[in-house]
Every structure is written in structure tokens, then in C-alpha cells.
Amino acid sequence: MTLRLLAAALLALTVGAAHAQTLQPIQLQPRAAAQVNTQAAQIDEAAMEKTRLERENKRLKAENEALQKRIDEFTRLGGSQVHAYCPADNPNLSRNTSGAENNCGAAGYTCEPVSGQCRTSCQTSDMCAGGFTCDTGAQQCVRTG
């Protein structure tokens, strides 16, 4: 009986060993670790991108504030960035970037394109508004007729 028991045990071990060789080992641990590593890398990348975007947002806010101050200086009456100009559609008008305007033609002159302000003297009649001509001796625009 001992021999039978021993033979049965040996047979069970042999069959079990043969059966164990045909099974593939389950590799959950390395795949799970790889997924955790991938997720950790994605989280790190997202954190770096968030930090970069926060810095960019801060820079853009500062730039926006500086530009807004500059716009305020362009549009505030008496602001340091207010500039005069001659509108293309009316050579007898002087305007500035704060919205004020002056009718140069009322005094007989046109707008001087370099300064954007009304002329106060003339050398030729094309410096005078319509209905005026240049008295070159006095260098003044005078009404014609």
C-alpha cells in the first residue's frame, strides 16, 4: 500500500508539473506597473503644461495692463499719447486721437499733414481751404471774391 501511495503521489506530481508547464504565467504586476508609470508621466506632463500656461497667462495679463494704460493715454484728453492727424476724407479738419477736432477751413486753412494741426500761414494756395487763396506776400489765406 505504501508503494501504491507513493506511485499515486509521484503520478500526481508528474501530471501537476506537466500541466504547470503548459500554463502561461499571469503578468498582471508588470502591466499594472507600466500603466501606473504611464499615468504618472502624463500627470507630470500635465503639471508642467499647467505651470507653463500659468506663467504665460501672467505674462499676457501684464502685457494687457500695459497696453490698456497706453490706450488710456491715447484716448484721455490731454494724455501724453494724444496725437493730432488730418483725416483723409476732410483736408480742412484737424483731429486728435482723443476725439477732439478743429475746423481749419473756418480760418481759411487746410490741415498740415506732418503735425496734424491747422496751418496758420501759407506759401501756396493749395495750403488754403476752398474759397480762399494765399496772399504770398503776407503768407496768409484770404477769402477770394
N, C-alpha and C. Protein backbone atom coordinates (compact mmCIF):
# COMPACT_ATOMS: atom_id res chain seq x y z
N MET A 1 0.80 -1.17 0.00
CA MET A 1 0.00 0.00 0.00
C MET A 1 0.86 1.25 0.00
N THR A 2 1.94 1.20 0.62
CA THR A 2 2.83 2.32 0.66
C THR A 2 3.39 2.59 -0.73
N LEU A 3 3.62 1.50 -1.44
CA LEU A 3 4.13 1.65 -2.79
C LEU A 3 3.08 2.27 -3.69
N ARG A 4 1.83 1.87 -3.51
CA ARG A 4 0.75 2.46 -4.30
C ARG A 4 0.58 3.94 -3.95
N LEU A 5 0.64 4.25 -2.73
CA LEU A 5 0.51 5.64 -2.30
C LEU A 5 1.66 6.49 -2.85
N LEU A 6 2.82 5.92 -2.82
CA LEU A 6 3.98 6.62 -3.34
C LEU A 6 3.86 6.81 -4.85
N ALA A 7 3.38 5.78 -5.57
CA ALA A 7 3.20 5.86 -7.01
C ALA A 7 2.14 6.89 -7.36
N ALA A 8 1.06 6.93 -6.57
CA ALA A 8 0.00 7.90 -6.82
C ALA A 8 0.51 9.32 -6.58
N ALA A 9 1.29 9.49 -5.57
CA ALA A 9 1.84 10.82 -5.27
C ALA A 9 2.79 11.25 -6.37
N LEU A 10 3.61 10.28 -6.81
CA LEU A 10 4.55 10.59 -7.89
C LEU A 10 3.81 10.93 -9.17
N LEU A 11 2.75 10.19 -9.46
CA LEU A 11 1.93 10.46 -10.65
C LEU A 11 1.29 11.85 -10.55
N ALA A 12 0.79 12.18 -9.39
CA ALA A 12 0.15 13.49 -9.19
C ALA A 12 1.16 14.61 -9.37
N LEU A 13 2.34 14.41 -8.88
CA LEU A 13 3.39 15.43 -9.05
C LEU A 13 3.79 15.57 -10.50
N THR A 14 3.91 14.45 -11.20
CA THR A 14 4.32 14.46 -12.61
C THR A 14 3.25 15.14 -13.46
N VAL A 15 1.98 14.79 -13.25
CA VAL A 15 0.88 15.39 -14.01
C VAL A 15 0.78 16.87 -13.66
N GLY A 16 0.88 17.19 -12.42
CA GLY A 16 0.82 18.60 -11.99
C GLY A 16 1.94 19.41 -12.58
N ALA A 17 3.15 18.86 -12.62
CA ALA A 17 4.30 19.58 -13.18
C ALA A 17 4.14 19.76 -14.67
N ALA A 18 3.65 18.69 -15.36
CA ALA A 18 3.44 18.78 -16.80
C ALA A 18 2.35 19.79 -17.11
N HIS A 19 1.29 19.80 -16.31
CA HIS A 19 0.20 20.74 -16.50
C HIS A 19 0.67 22.17 -16.22
N ALA A 20 1.50 22.34 -15.23
CA ALA A 20 2.01 23.66 -14.88
C ALA A 20 2.90 24.23 -15.97
N GLN A 21 3.60 23.37 -16.73
CA GLN A 21 4.46 23.83 -17.80
C GLN A 21 3.65 24.36 -18.98
N THR A 22 2.43 23.91 -19.18
CA THR A 22 1.63 24.35 -20.31
C THR A 22 0.91 25.65 -20.03
N LEU A 23 0.76 26.03 -18.79
CA LEU A 23 0.07 27.28 -18.45
C LEU A 23 1.03 28.46 -18.57
N GLN A 24 0.52 29.54 -19.11
CA GLN A 24 1.32 30.77 -19.18
C GLN A 24 1.17 31.52 -17.87
N PRO A 25 2.23 32.06 -17.35
CA PRO A 25 2.11 32.81 -16.09
C PRO A 25 1.35 34.12 -16.33
N ILE A 26 0.56 34.51 -15.40
CA ILE A 26 -0.20 35.75 -15.48
C ILE A 26 0.72 36.90 -15.09
N GLN A 27 0.80 37.91 -15.96
CA GLN A 27 1.73 39.02 -15.75
C GLN A 27 0.97 40.31 -15.45
N LEU A 28 0.15 40.30 -14.48
CA LEU A 28 -0.60 41.48 -14.12
C LEU A 28 0.28 42.55 -13.49
N GLN A 29 1.21 42.15 -12.72
CA GLN A 29 2.04 43.09 -11.98
C GLN A 29 2.82 44.03 -12.92
N PRO A 30 3.56 43.52 -13.93
CA PRO A 30 4.31 44.45 -14.79
C PRO A 30 3.41 45.36 -15.60
N ARG A 31 2.29 44.85 -16.11
CA ARG A 31 1.39 45.71 -16.89
C ARG A 31 0.78 46.80 -16.01
N ALA A 32 0.37 46.43 -14.83
CA ALA A 32 -0.19 47.41 -13.91
C ALA A 32 0.85 48.46 -13.56
N ALA A 33 2.08 48.01 -13.36
CA ALA A 33 3.16 48.96 -13.05
C ALA A 33 3.42 49.88 -14.24
N ALA A 34 3.37 49.35 -15.45
CA ALA A 34 3.57 50.17 -16.65
C ALA A 34 2.46 51.20 -16.78
N GLN A 35 1.21 50.79 -16.50
CA GLN A 35 0.10 51.74 -16.56
C GLN A 35 0.26 52.84 -15.53
N VAL A 36 0.68 52.46 -14.33
CA VAL A 36 0.90 53.45 -13.29
C VAL A 36 2.01 54.41 -13.70
N ASN A 37 3.09 53.87 -14.29
CA ASN A 37 4.19 54.73 -14.76
C ASN A 37 3.73 55.66 -15.86
N THR A 38 2.92 55.15 -16.80
CA THR A 38 2.40 55.98 -17.88
C THR A 38 1.49 57.08 -17.34
N GLN A 39 0.63 56.71 -16.41
CA GLN A 39 -0.27 57.71 -15.82
C GLN A 39 0.52 58.75 -15.04
N ALA A 40 1.54 58.31 -14.33
CA ALA A 40 2.37 59.26 -13.58
C ALA A 40 3.09 60.21 -14.53
N ALA A 41 3.57 59.69 -15.65
CA ALA A 41 4.25 60.54 -16.64
C ALA A 41 3.26 61.54 -17.24
N GLN A 42 2.03 61.10 -17.50
CA GLN A 42 1.02 62.01 -18.04
C GLN A 42 0.66 63.09 -17.03
N ILE A 43 0.58 62.71 -15.77
CA ILE A 43 0.29 63.70 -14.72
C ILE A 43 1.42 64.71 -14.62
N ASP A 44 2.67 64.24 -14.69
CA ASP A 44 3.82 65.15 -14.65
C ASP A 44 3.81 66.10 -15.84
N GLU A 45 3.52 65.57 -17.02
CA GLU A 45 3.44 66.42 -18.22
C GLU A 45 2.33 67.45 -18.08
N ALA A 46 1.18 67.03 -17.57
CA ALA A 46 0.06 67.95 -17.39
C ALA A 46 0.42 69.03 -16.37
N ALA A 47 1.11 68.67 -15.32
CA ALA A 47 1.51 69.65 -14.30
C ALA A 47 2.49 70.65 -14.89
N MET A 48 3.43 70.17 -15.70
CA MET A 48 4.39 71.09 -16.34
C MET A 48 3.68 72.02 -17.32
N GLU A 49 2.72 71.48 -18.07
CA GLU A 49 1.96 72.30 -19.01
C GLU A 49 1.12 73.33 -18.27
N LYS A 50 0.54 72.93 -17.15
CA LYS A 50 -0.25 73.85 -16.34
C LYS A 50 0.63 74.99 -15.83
N THR A 51 1.81 74.67 -15.35
CA THR A 51 2.75 75.69 -14.87
C THR A 51 3.15 76.63 -16.00
N ARG A 52 3.42 76.06 -17.19
CA ARG A 52 3.79 76.89 -18.34
C ARG A 52 2.65 77.82 -18.72
N LEU A 53 1.42 77.29 -18.74
CA LEU A 53 0.26 78.11 -19.09
C LEU A 53 -0.01 79.19 -18.05
N GLU A 54 0.21 78.88 -16.78
CA GLU A 54 0.03 79.90 -15.74
C GLU A 54 1.03 81.03 -15.91
N ARG A 55 2.30 80.69 -16.23
CA ARG A 55 3.31 81.73 -16.48
C ARG A 55 2.93 82.58 -17.69
N GLU A 56 2.48 81.91 -18.76
CA GLU A 56 2.08 82.62 -19.98
C GLU A 56 0.88 83.53 -19.69
N ASN A 57 -0.07 83.04 -18.91
CA ASN A 57 -1.25 83.83 -18.55
C ASN A 57 -0.83 85.07 -17.76
N LYS A 58 0.08 84.91 -16.82
CA LYS A 58 0.57 86.03 -16.02
C LYS A 58 1.26 87.07 -16.91
N ARG A 59 2.07 86.58 -17.87
CA ARG A 59 2.76 87.49 -18.79
C ARG A 59 1.75 88.25 -19.66
N LEU A 60 0.74 87.54 -20.15
CA LEU A 60 -0.26 88.17 -21.00
C LEU A 60 -1.10 89.19 -20.22
N LYS A 61 -1.40 88.89 -18.96
CA LYS A 61 -2.14 89.85 -18.14
C LYS A 61 -1.33 91.13 -17.96
N ALA A 62 -0.03 90.99 -17.70
CA ALA A 62 0.83 92.17 -17.53
C ALA A 62 0.90 92.97 -18.83
N GLU A 63 1.03 92.27 -19.94
CA GLU A 63 1.08 92.94 -21.25
C GLU A 63 -0.25 93.65 -21.52
N ASN A 64 -1.35 93.01 -21.20
CA ASN A 64 -2.67 93.60 -21.39
C ASN A 64 -2.82 94.88 -20.57
N GLU A 65 -2.36 94.84 -19.31
CA GLU A 65 -2.44 96.03 -18.46
C GLU A 65 -1.61 97.18 -19.04
N ALA A 66 -0.42 96.87 -19.53
CA ALA A 66 0.43 97.90 -20.13
C ALA A 66 -0.21 98.49 -21.37
N LEU A 67 -0.80 97.64 -22.20
CA LEU A 67 -1.47 98.13 -23.41
C LEU A 67 -2.70 98.96 -23.06
N GLN A 68 -3.44 98.55 -22.04
CA GLN A 68 -4.61 99.31 -21.62
C GLN A 68 -4.20 100.69 -21.14
N LYS A 69 -3.10 100.79 -20.40
CA LYS A 69 -2.60 102.09 -19.95
C LYS A 69 -2.23 102.96 -21.16
N ARG A 70 -1.62 102.33 -22.15
CA ARG A 70 -1.25 103.08 -23.35
C ARG A 70 -2.49 103.58 -24.09
N ILE A 71 -3.51 102.72 -24.20
CA ILE A 71 -4.76 103.13 -24.84
C ILE A 71 -5.38 104.29 -24.06
N ASP A 72 -5.35 104.19 -22.74
CA ASP A 72 -5.89 105.27 -21.92
C ASP A 72 -5.18 106.59 -22.21
N GLU A 73 -3.87 106.53 -22.41
CA GLU A 73 -3.11 107.75 -22.72
C GLU A 73 -3.44 108.28 -24.12
N PHE A 74 -3.82 107.40 -25.03
CA PHE A 74 -4.22 107.84 -26.38
C PHE A 74 -5.59 108.50 -26.35
N THR A 75 -6.45 108.03 -25.50
CA THR A 75 -7.84 108.49 -25.55
C THR A 75 -8.20 109.53 -24.49
N ARG A 76 -7.38 109.67 -23.48
CA ARG A 76 -7.66 110.65 -22.43
C ARG A 76 -7.29 112.03 -22.94
N LEU A 77 -8.23 112.96 -22.87
CA LEU A 77 -7.96 114.33 -23.30
C LEU A 77 -6.78 114.86 -22.52
N GLY A 78 -5.76 115.32 -23.22
CA GLY A 78 -4.54 115.80 -22.58
C GLY A 78 -3.56 114.69 -22.25
N GLY A 79 -3.89 113.46 -22.63
CA GLY A 79 -3.00 112.33 -22.37
C GLY A 79 -1.69 112.49 -23.12
N SER A 80 -0.65 111.87 -22.61
CA SER A 80 0.68 112.04 -23.20
C SER A 80 0.82 111.39 -24.56
N GLN A 81 -0.09 110.51 -24.94
CA GLN A 81 -0.01 109.84 -26.23
C GLN A 81 -1.04 110.37 -27.24
N VAL A 82 -1.72 111.46 -26.91
CA VAL A 82 -2.71 112.02 -27.83
C VAL A 82 -1.97 112.69 -28.98
N HIS A 83 -2.34 112.32 -30.20
CA HIS A 83 -1.70 112.86 -31.40
C HIS A 83 -2.74 113.44 -32.34
N ALA A 84 -2.36 114.54 -32.98
CA ALA A 84 -3.23 115.17 -33.98
C ALA A 84 -2.98 114.51 -35.33
N TYR A 85 -4.00 114.52 -36.17
CA TYR A 85 -3.87 113.99 -37.53
C TYR A 85 -4.91 114.65 -38.42
N CYS A 86 -4.65 114.57 -39.71
CA CYS A 86 -5.57 115.10 -40.71
C CYS A 86 -6.36 113.92 -41.28
N PRO A 87 -7.68 113.89 -41.12
CA PRO A 87 -8.44 112.78 -41.69
C PRO A 87 -8.37 112.80 -43.22
N ALA A 88 -8.28 111.64 -43.80
CA ALA A 88 -8.13 111.53 -45.26
C ALA A 88 -9.34 112.09 -46.00
N ASP A 89 -10.52 112.02 -45.40
CA ASP A 89 -11.73 112.44 -46.10
C ASP A 89 -12.02 113.93 -45.97
N ASN A 90 -11.24 114.67 -45.16
CA ASN A 90 -11.50 116.11 -44.99
C ASN A 90 -10.20 116.85 -44.70
N PRO A 91 -9.55 117.42 -45.72
CA PRO A 91 -8.28 118.11 -45.52
C PRO A 91 -8.42 119.43 -44.74
N ASN A 92 -9.65 119.88 -44.49
CA ASN A 92 -9.86 121.13 -43.76
C ASN A 92 -10.11 120.89 -42.27
N LEU A 93 -9.86 119.66 -41.80
CA LEU A 93 -10.16 119.31 -40.41
C LEU A 93 -8.91 118.74 -39.74
N SER A 94 -8.71 119.10 -38.50
CA SER A 94 -7.65 118.52 -37.68
C SER A 94 -8.33 117.76 -36.55
N ARG A 95 -7.93 116.50 -36.35
CA ARG A 95 -8.48 115.68 -35.27
C ARG A 95 -7.34 115.16 -34.42
N ASN A 96 -7.69 114.73 -33.20
CA ASN A 96 -6.68 114.04 -32.41
C ASN A 96 -7.25 112.72 -31.91
N THR A 97 -6.37 111.89 -31.39
CA THR A 97 -6.76 110.54 -31.01
C THR A 97 -7.67 110.48 -29.79
N SER A 98 -7.87 111.61 -29.11
CA SER A 98 -8.83 111.60 -28.00
C SER A 98 -10.22 111.98 -28.49
N GLY A 99 -10.36 112.32 -29.79
CA GLY A 99 -11.67 112.60 -30.36
C GLY A 99 -11.95 114.07 -30.61
N ALA A 100 -11.09 114.96 -30.14
CA ALA A 100 -11.31 116.40 -30.38
C ALA A 100 -10.98 116.73 -31.83
N GLU A 101 -11.62 117.78 -32.34
CA GLU A 101 -11.33 118.20 -33.71
C GLU A 101 -11.41 119.71 -33.82
N ASN A 102 -10.75 120.23 -34.85
CA ASN A 102 -10.71 121.67 -35.12
C ASN A 102 -10.96 121.86 -36.61
N ASN A 103 -11.88 122.78 -36.96
CA ASN A 103 -12.20 123.07 -38.36
C ASN A 103 -11.21 124.11 -38.88
N CYS A 104 -10.19 123.66 -39.58
CA CYS A 104 -9.17 124.56 -40.12
C CYS A 104 -9.74 125.46 -41.21
N GLY A 105 -10.70 124.90 -41.97
CA GLY A 105 -11.28 125.64 -43.09
C GLY A 105 -12.01 126.91 -42.67
N ALA A 106 -12.49 126.97 -41.43
CA ALA A 106 -13.20 128.15 -40.95
C ALA A 106 -12.26 129.37 -40.95
N ALA A 107 -10.98 129.13 -40.72
CA ALA A 107 -10.00 130.22 -40.73
C ALA A 107 -9.34 130.36 -42.10
N GLY A 108 -9.72 129.49 -43.06
CA GLY A 108 -9.21 129.58 -44.41
C GLY A 108 -8.04 128.66 -44.70
N TYR A 109 -7.68 127.81 -43.79
CA TYR A 109 -6.50 126.96 -43.97
C TYR A 109 -6.88 125.48 -44.08
N THR A 110 -5.91 124.68 -44.50
CA THR A 110 -6.05 123.23 -44.50
C THR A 110 -5.25 122.65 -43.34
N CYS A 111 -5.43 121.41 -43.13
CA CYS A 111 -4.68 120.69 -42.08
C CYS A 111 -3.28 120.39 -42.60
N GLU A 112 -2.29 120.59 -41.75
CA GLU A 112 -0.90 120.32 -42.13
C GLU A 112 -0.61 118.85 -41.81
N PRO A 113 -0.32 118.03 -42.83
CA PRO A 113 -0.26 116.58 -42.63
C PRO A 113 0.87 116.08 -41.71
N VAL A 114 1.96 116.80 -41.59
CA VAL A 114 3.05 116.32 -40.74
C VAL A 114 2.69 116.47 -39.26
N SER A 115 2.18 117.63 -38.88
CA SER A 115 1.83 117.86 -37.48
C SER A 115 0.41 117.44 -37.15
N GLY A 116 -0.46 117.41 -38.18
CA GLY A 116 -1.87 117.08 -37.95
C GLY A 116 -2.66 118.27 -37.42
N GLN A 117 -2.04 119.44 -37.40
CA GLN A 117 -2.71 120.63 -36.88
C GLN A 117 -3.05 121.59 -38.01
N CYS A 118 -3.90 122.56 -37.71
CA CYS A 118 -4.30 123.54 -38.73
C CYS A 118 -3.11 124.43 -39.07
N ARG A 119 -2.98 124.72 -40.35
CA ARG A 119 -1.94 125.66 -40.77
C ARG A 119 -2.30 127.06 -40.26
N THR A 120 -1.30 127.89 -40.12
CA THR A 120 -1.52 129.28 -39.70
C THR A 120 -0.89 130.26 -40.68
N SER A 121 -0.23 129.71 -41.71
CA SER A 121 0.33 130.55 -42.76
C SER A 121 0.37 129.72 -44.03
N CYS A 122 0.68 130.38 -45.14
CA CYS A 122 0.73 129.66 -46.42
C CYS A 122 1.85 130.19 -47.29
N GLN A 123 2.31 129.34 -48.17
CA GLN A 123 3.26 129.74 -49.21
C GLN A 123 2.62 129.59 -50.59
N THR A 124 1.61 128.69 -50.66
CA THR A 124 0.88 128.48 -51.91
C THR A 124 -0.61 128.34 -51.58
N SER A 125 -1.45 128.53 -52.60
CA SER A 125 -2.90 128.49 -52.40
C SER A 125 -3.42 127.10 -52.06
N ASP A 126 -2.64 126.03 -52.38
CA ASP A 126 -3.13 124.69 -52.01
C ASP A 126 -3.05 124.45 -50.50
N MET A 127 -2.47 125.39 -49.78
CA MET A 127 -2.44 125.31 -48.32
C MET A 127 -3.67 125.98 -47.72
N CYS A 128 -4.50 126.55 -48.59
CA CYS A 128 -5.71 127.25 -48.14
C CYS A 128 -6.94 126.40 -48.42
N ALA A 129 -7.96 126.59 -47.62
CA ALA A 129 -9.23 125.89 -47.79
C ALA A 129 -9.94 126.42 -49.04
N GLY A 130 -10.96 125.68 -49.47
CA GLY A 130 -11.74 126.11 -50.63
C GLY A 130 -12.37 127.49 -50.37
N GLY A 131 -12.35 128.36 -51.38
CA GLY A 131 -12.88 129.71 -51.24
C GLY A 131 -11.84 130.70 -50.72
N PHE A 132 -10.61 130.21 -50.49
CA PHE A 132 -9.51 131.06 -50.03
C PHE A 132 -8.33 130.91 -50.97
N THR A 133 -7.51 131.94 -51.02
CA THR A 133 -6.28 131.90 -51.81
C THR A 133 -5.15 132.45 -50.94
N CYS A 134 -3.93 132.10 -51.30
CA CYS A 134 -2.79 132.52 -50.49
C CYS A 134 -2.28 133.88 -50.96
N ASP A 135 -2.23 134.83 -50.05
CA ASP A 135 -1.55 136.10 -50.29
C ASP A 135 -0.10 135.82 -49.91
N THR A 136 0.71 135.53 -50.95
CA THR A 136 2.09 135.09 -50.69
C THR A 136 2.94 136.17 -50.02
N GLY A 137 2.65 137.42 -50.25
CA GLY A 137 3.40 138.50 -49.59
C GLY A 137 3.16 138.47 -48.09
N ALA A 138 1.91 138.28 -47.67
CA ALA A 138 1.57 138.27 -46.25
C ALA A 138 1.60 136.85 -45.68
N GLN A 139 1.73 135.86 -46.59
CA GLN A 139 1.70 134.43 -46.23
C GLN A 139 0.43 134.08 -45.41
N GLN A 140 -0.70 134.67 -45.88
CA GLN A 140 -1.98 134.46 -45.22
C GLN A 140 -3.00 134.01 -46.27
N CYS A 141 -3.91 133.13 -45.86
CA CYS A 141 -5.03 132.74 -46.72
C CYS A 141 -6.10 133.81 -46.60
N VAL A 142 -6.54 134.31 -47.75
CA VAL A 142 -7.56 135.34 -47.76
C VAL A 142 -8.73 134.85 -48.61
N ARG A 143 -9.92 135.32 -48.27
CA ARG A 143 -11.13 134.94 -48.98
C ARG A 143 -11.06 135.46 -50.41
N THR A 144 -11.45 134.63 -51.36
CA THR A 144 -11.48 135.05 -52.76
C THR A 144 -12.82 135.70 -53.05
N GLY A 145 -12.80 136.64 -53.95
CA GLY A 145 -14.01 137.26 -54.45
C GLY A 145 -14.70 138.15 -53.59
